PDB file of all heavy atoms in Angstrom:
ATOM      1  N   ASN A   1       3.842  -5.302   2.679  1.00  0.00           N
ATOM      2  CA  ASN A   1       4.687  -5.609   3.833  1.00  0.00           C
ATOM      3  C   ASN A   1       6.045  -6.085   3.321  1.00  0.00           C
ATOM      4  O   ASN A   1       6.284  -6.134   2.115  1.00  0.00           O
ATOM      5  CB  ASN A   1       4.036  -6.677   4.714  1.00  0.00           C
ATOM      6  CG  ASN A   1       3.687  -7.943   3.932  1.00  0.00           C
ATOM      7  OD1 ASN A   1       4.531  -8.512   3.245  1.00  0.00           O
ATOM      8  ND2 ASN A   1       2.412  -8.360   4.009  1.00  0.00           N
ATOM      9  N   TRP A   2       6.912  -6.462   4.268  1.00  0.00           N
ATOM     10  CA  TRP A   2       8.261  -6.887   3.911  1.00  0.00           C
ATOM     11  C   TRP A   2       8.444  -8.396   3.990  1.00  0.00           C
ATOM     12  O   TRP A   2       9.571  -8.888   4.114  1.00  0.00           O
ATOM     13  CB  TRP A   2       9.293  -6.181   4.801  1.00  0.00           C
ATOM     14  CG  TRP A   2       9.419  -4.731   4.433  1.00  0.00           C
ATOM     15  CD1 TRP A   2       8.929  -3.670   5.115  1.00  0.00           C
ATOM     16  CD2 TRP A   2      10.071  -4.210   3.265  1.00  0.00           C
ATOM     17  NE1 TRP A   2       9.217  -2.495   4.449  1.00  0.00           N
ATOM     18  CE2 TRP A   2       9.919  -2.801   3.310  1.00  0.00           C
ATOM     19  CE3 TRP A   2      10.743  -4.780   2.188  1.00  0.00           C
ATOM     20  CZ2 TRP A   2      10.427  -1.968   2.329  1.00  0.00           C
ATOM     21  CZ3 TRP A   2      11.251  -3.944   1.204  1.00  0.00           C
ATOM     22  CH2 TRP A   2      11.099  -2.571   1.277  1.00  0.00           C
ATOM     23  N   ASP A   3       7.352  -9.143   3.875  1.00  0.00           N
ATOM     24  CA  ASP A   3       7.477 -10.585   3.742  1.00  0.00           C
ATOM     25  C   ASP A   3       8.290 -10.903   2.488  1.00  0.00           C
ATOM     26  O   ASP A   3       8.285 -10.136   1.524  1.00  0.00           O
ATOM     27  CB  ASP A   3       6.101 -11.246   3.613  1.00  0.00           C
ATOM     28  CG  ASP A   3       5.306 -11.136   4.916  1.00  0.00           C
ATOM     29  OD1 ASP A   3       5.925 -10.783   5.939  1.00  0.00           O
ATOM     30  OD2 ASP A   3       4.085 -11.379   4.883  1.00  0.00           O
ATOM     31  N   MET A   4       8.956 -12.031   2.498  1.00  0.00           N
ATOM     32  CA  MET A   4       9.797 -12.385   1.349  1.00  0.00           C
ATOM     33  C   MET A   4       8.975 -12.656   0.098  1.00  0.00           C
ATOM     34  O   MET A   4       9.423 -12.437  -1.012  1.00  0.00           O
ATOM     35  CB  MET A   4      10.672 -13.589   1.696  1.00  0.00           C
ATOM     36  CG  MET A   4      11.851 -13.237   2.585  1.00  0.00           C
ATOM     37  SD  MET A   4      12.908 -14.644   2.925  1.00  0.00           S
ATOM     38  CE  MET A   4      11.973 -15.453   4.218  1.00  0.00           C
ATOM     39  N   LYS A   5       7.743 -13.113   0.281  1.00  0.00           N
ATOM     40  CA  LYS A   5       6.892 -13.432  -0.859  1.00  0.00           C
ATOM     41  C   LYS A   5       6.351 -12.165  -1.504  1.00  0.00           C
ATOM     42  O   LYS A   5       5.936 -11.241  -0.836  1.00  0.00           O
ATOM     43  CB  LYS A   5       5.731 -14.319  -0.400  1.00  0.00           C
ATOM     44  CG  LYS A   5       4.753 -14.687  -1.514  1.00  0.00           C
ATOM     45  CD  LYS A   5       3.579 -15.486  -0.953  1.00  0.00           C
ATOM     46  CE  LYS A   5       2.558 -15.775  -2.036  1.00  0.00           C
ATOM     47  NZ  LYS A   5       1.384 -16.481  -1.498  1.00  0.00           N
ATOM     48  N   ILE A   6       6.326 -12.154  -2.827  1.00  0.00           N
ATOM     49  CA  ILE A   6       5.680 -11.075  -3.572  1.00  0.00           C
ATOM     50  C   ILE A   6       4.345 -11.604  -4.066  1.00  0.00           C
ATOM     51  O   ILE A   6       4.288 -12.546  -4.854  1.00  0.00           O
ATOM     52  CB  ILE A   6       6.535 -10.611  -4.750  1.00  0.00           C
ATOM     53  CG1 ILE A   6       7.814 -10.005  -4.227  1.00  0.00           C
ATOM     54  CG2 ILE A   6       5.770  -9.656  -5.632  1.00  0.00           C
ATOM     55  CD1 ILE A   6       8.454  -8.970  -5.076  1.00  0.00           C
ATOM     56  N   ASP A   7       3.262 -10.991  -3.585  1.00  0.00           N
ATOM     57  CA  ASP A   7       1.937 -11.439  -4.003  1.00  0.00           C
ATOM     58  C   ASP A   7       1.753 -11.208  -5.493  1.00  0.00           C
ATOM     59  O   ASP A   7       2.359 -10.315  -6.090  1.00  0.00           O
ATOM     60  CB  ASP A   7       0.851 -10.686  -3.237  1.00  0.00           C
ATOM     61  CG  ASP A   7       0.846 -11.060  -1.756  1.00  0.00           C
ATOM     62  OD1 ASP A   7       1.460 -12.080  -1.411  1.00  0.00           O
ATOM     63  OD2 ASP A   7       0.232 -10.312  -0.976  1.00  0.00           O
ATOM     64  N   LEU A   8       0.868 -11.995  -6.074  1.00  0.00           N
ATOM     65  CA  LEU A   8       0.590 -11.822  -7.493  1.00  0.00           C
ATOM     66  C   LEU A   8      -0.020 -10.468  -7.774  1.00  0.00           C
ATOM     67  O   LEU A   8       0.118  -9.925  -8.853  1.00  0.00           O
ATOM     68  CB  LEU A   8      -0.351 -12.936  -7.987  1.00  0.00           C
ATOM     69  CG  LEU A   8       0.257 -14.348  -7.998  1.00  0.00           C
ATOM     70  CD1 LEU A   8      -0.804 -15.351  -8.423  1.00  0.00           C
ATOM     71  CD2 LEU A   8       1.453 -14.389  -8.935  1.00  0.00           C
ATOM     72  N   CYS A   9      -0.696  -9.912  -6.787  1.00  0.00           N
ATOM     73  CA  CYS A   9      -1.382  -8.641  -7.019  1.00  0.00           C
ATOM     74  C   CYS A   9      -1.409  -7.852  -5.711  1.00  0.00           C
ATOM     75  O   CYS A   9      -2.422  -7.814  -5.020  1.00  0.00           O
ATOM     76  CB  CYS A   9      -2.792  -8.890  -7.536  1.00  0.00           C
ATOM     77  SG  CYS A   9      -3.572  -7.450  -8.269  1.00  0.00           S
ATOM     78  N   GLU A  10      -0.293  -7.239  -5.369  1.00  0.00           N
ATOM     79  CA  GLU A  10      -0.230  -6.501  -4.112  1.00  0.00           C
ATOM     80  C   GLU A  10      -0.951  -5.165  -4.238  1.00  0.00           C
ATOM     81  O   GLU A  10      -0.840  -4.475  -5.249  1.00  0.00           O
ATOM     82  CB  GLU A  10       1.234  -6.249  -3.729  1.00  0.00           C
ATOM     83  CG  GLU A  10       1.943  -7.480  -3.221  1.00  0.00           C
ATOM     84  CD  GLU A  10       2.918  -7.135  -2.107  1.00  0.00           C
ATOM     85  OE1 GLU A  10       2.736  -6.101  -1.462  1.00  0.00           O
ATOM     86  OE2 GLU A  10       3.858  -7.921  -1.888  1.00  0.00           O
ATOM     87  N   GLU A  11      -1.679  -4.812  -3.205  1.00  0.00           N
ATOM     88  CA  GLU A  11      -2.305  -3.505  -3.163  1.00  0.00           C
ATOM     89  C   GLU A  11      -1.346  -2.524  -2.508  1.00  0.00           C
ATOM     90  O   GLU A  11      -0.457  -2.902  -1.755  1.00  0.00           O
ATOM     91  CB  GLU A  11      -3.612  -3.573  -2.362  1.00  0.00           C
ATOM     92  CG  GLU A  11      -4.659  -4.460  -3.022  1.00  0.00           C
ATOM     93  CD  GLU A  11      -5.921  -4.548  -2.180  1.00  0.00           C
ATOM     94  OE1 GLU A  11      -5.931  -3.957  -1.093  1.00  0.00           O
ATOM     95  OE2 GLU A  11      -6.874  -5.202  -2.623  1.00  0.00           O
ATOM     96  N   PRO A  12      -1.485  -1.212  -2.764  1.00  0.00           N
ATOM     97  CA  PRO A  12      -0.611  -0.231  -2.141  1.00  0.00           C
ATOM     98  C   PRO A  12      -0.674  -0.320  -0.622  1.00  0.00           C
ATOM     99  O   PRO A  12      -1.702  -0.640  -0.039  1.00  0.00           O
ATOM    100  CB  PRO A  12      -1.178   1.100  -2.633  1.00  0.00           C
ATOM    101  CG  PRO A  12      -1.889   0.766  -3.897  1.00  0.00           C
ATOM    102  CD  PRO A  12      -2.443  -0.614  -3.687  1.00  0.00           C
ATOM    103  N   ALA A  13       0.470  -0.016   0.008  1.00  0.00           N
ATOM    104  CA  ALA A  13       0.543  -0.105   1.464  1.00  0.00           C
ATOM    105  C   ALA A  13      -0.226   1.014   2.141  1.00  0.00           C
ATOM    106  O   ALA A  13      -0.626   0.892   3.285  1.00  0.00           O
ATOM    107  CB  ALA A  13       1.994  -0.074   1.917  1.00  0.00           C
ATOM    108  N   VAL A  14      -0.440   2.134   1.440  1.00  0.00           N
ATOM    109  CA  VAL A  14      -1.102   3.284   2.048  1.00  0.00           C
ATOM    110  C   VAL A  14      -2.564   3.310   1.616  1.00  0.00           C
ATOM    111  O   VAL A  14      -2.856   3.415   0.433  1.00  0.00           O
ATOM    112  CB  VAL A  14      -0.410   4.601   1.628  1.00  0.00           C
ATOM    113  CG1 VAL A  14      -1.067   5.781   2.303  1.00  0.00           C
ATOM    114  CG2 VAL A  14       1.068   4.540   1.971  1.00  0.00           C
ATOM    115  N   PRO A  15      -3.507   3.214   2.529  1.00  0.00           N
ATOM    116  CA  PRO A  15      -4.922   3.258   2.159  1.00  0.00           C
ATOM    117  C   PRO A  15      -5.285   4.577   1.500  1.00  0.00           C
ATOM    118  O   PRO A  15      -4.615   5.586   1.681  1.00  0.00           O
ATOM    119  CB  PRO A  15      -5.637   3.087   3.501  1.00  0.00           C
ATOM    120  CG  PRO A  15      -4.625   2.475   4.429  1.00  0.00           C
ATOM    121  CD  PRO A  15      -3.304   2.997   3.973  1.00  0.00           C
ATOM    122  N   THR A  16      -6.400   4.563   0.765  1.00  0.00           N
ATOM    123  CA  THR A  16      -6.824   5.746   0.030  1.00  0.00           C
ATOM    124  C   THR A  16      -6.997   6.955   0.940  1.00  0.00           C
ATOM    125  O   THR A  16      -6.529   8.050   0.641  1.00  0.00           O
ATOM    126  CB  THR A  16      -8.161   5.459  -0.702  1.00  0.00           C
ATOM    127  OG1 THR A  16      -7.984   4.329  -1.541  1.00  0.00           O
ATOM    128  CG2 THR A  16      -8.595   6.667  -1.510  1.00  0.00           C
ATOM    129  N   LEU A  17      -7.649   6.785   2.092  1.00  0.00           N
ATOM    130  CA  LEU A  17      -7.897   7.907   2.986  1.00  0.00           C
ATOM    131  C   LEU A  17      -6.595   8.487   3.499  1.00  0.00           C
ATOM    132  O   LEU A  17      -6.386   9.699   3.495  1.00  0.00           O
ATOM    133  CB  LEU A  17      -8.777   7.458   4.163  1.00  0.00           C
ATOM    134  CG  LEU A  17      -9.104   8.558   5.211  1.00  0.00           C
ATOM    135  CD1 LEU A  17      -9.816   9.720   4.534  1.00  0.00           C
ATOM    136  CD2 LEU A  17      -9.948   7.974   6.335  1.00  0.00           C
ATOM    137  N   GLN A  18      -5.686   7.611   3.924  1.00  0.00           N
ATOM    138  CA  GLN A  18      -4.406   8.097   4.442  1.00  0.00           C
ATOM    139  C   GLN A  18      -3.626   8.809   3.349  1.00  0.00           C
ATOM    140  O   GLN A  18      -3.014   9.842   3.584  1.00  0.00           O
ATOM    141  CB  GLN A  18      -3.582   6.933   4.994  1.00  0.00           C
ATOM    142  CG  GLN A  18      -2.250   7.383   5.623  1.00  0.00           C
ATOM    143  CD  GLN A  18      -1.438   6.214   6.117  1.00  0.00           C
ATOM    144  OE1 GLN A  18      -1.906   5.091   6.148  1.00  0.00           O
ATOM    145  NE2 GLN A  18      -0.206   6.489   6.507  1.00  0.00           N
ATOM    146  N   ALA A  19      -3.660   8.262   2.137  1.00  0.00           N
ATOM    147  CA  ALA A  19      -2.947   8.894   1.040  1.00  0.00           C
ATOM    148  C   ALA A  19      -3.485  10.291   0.786  1.00  0.00           C
ATOM    149  O   ALA A  19      -2.735  11.234   0.552  1.00  0.00           O
ATOM    150  CB  ALA A  19      -3.078   8.049  -0.230  1.00  0.00           C
ATOM    151  N   ALA A  20      -4.803  10.432   0.857  1.00  0.00           N
ATOM    152  CA  ALA A  20      -5.398  11.750   0.661  1.00  0.00           C
ATOM    153  C   ALA A  20      -4.958  12.720   1.744  1.00  0.00           C
ATOM    154  O   ALA A  20      -4.721  13.903   1.502  1.00  0.00           O
ATOM    155  CB  ALA A  20      -6.918  11.632   0.644  1.00  0.00           C
ATOM    156  N   GLN A  21      -4.815  12.202   2.968  1.00  0.00           N
ATOM    157  CA  GLN A  21      -4.431  13.067   4.080  1.00  0.00           C
ATOM    158  C   GLN A  21      -3.011  13.584   3.945  1.00  0.00           C
ATOM    159  O   GLN A  21      -2.684  14.651   4.451  1.00  0.00           O
ATOM    160  CB  GLN A  21      -4.589  12.302   5.404  1.00  0.00           C
ATOM    161  CG  GLN A  21      -6.040  12.053   5.788  1.00  0.00           C
ATOM    162  CD  GLN A  21      -6.172  11.124   6.980  1.00  0.00           C
ATOM    163  OE1 GLN A  21      -5.238  10.404   7.315  1.00  0.00           O
ATOM    164  NE2 GLN A  21      -7.330  11.151   7.618  1.00  0.00           N
ATOM    165  N   VAL A  22      -2.144  12.845   3.260  1.00  0.00           N
ATOM    166  CA  VAL A  22      -0.771  13.312   3.100  1.00  0.00           C
ATOM    167  C   VAL A  22      -0.575  13.968   1.737  1.00  0.00           C
ATOM    168  O   VAL A  22       0.540  14.186   1.281  1.00  0.00           O
ATOM    169  CB  VAL A  22       0.237  12.144   3.260  1.00  0.00           C
ATOM    170  CG1 VAL A  22       0.164  11.582   4.652  1.00  0.00           C
ATOM    171  CG2 VAL A  22       0.022  11.055   2.208  1.00  0.00           C
ATOM    172  N   GLY A  23      -1.666  14.300   1.069  1.00  0.00           N
ATOM    173  CA  GLY A  23      -1.570  15.009  -0.195  1.00  0.00           C
ATOM    174  C   GLY A  23      -1.178  14.127  -1.349  1.00  0.00           C
ATOM    175  O   GLY A  23      -0.643  14.588  -2.337  1.00  0.00           O
ATOM    176  N   ALA A  24      -1.423  12.821  -1.230  1.00  0.00           N
ATOM    177  CA  ALA A  24      -1.067  11.893  -2.289  1.00  0.00           C
ATOM    178  C   ALA A  24      -2.325  11.386  -2.967  1.00  0.00           C
ATOM    179  O   ALA A  24      -3.430  11.585  -2.489  1.00  0.00           O
ATOM    180  CB  ALA A  24      -0.277  10.717  -1.711  1.00  0.00           C
TER     181      ALA A  24
END
């Protein structure tokens, strides 16, 4: 997300299923 804080371990914003659907 666009919160000002950067998490120590951010996960990708696009879930695995959605990424697969867009050819990623």
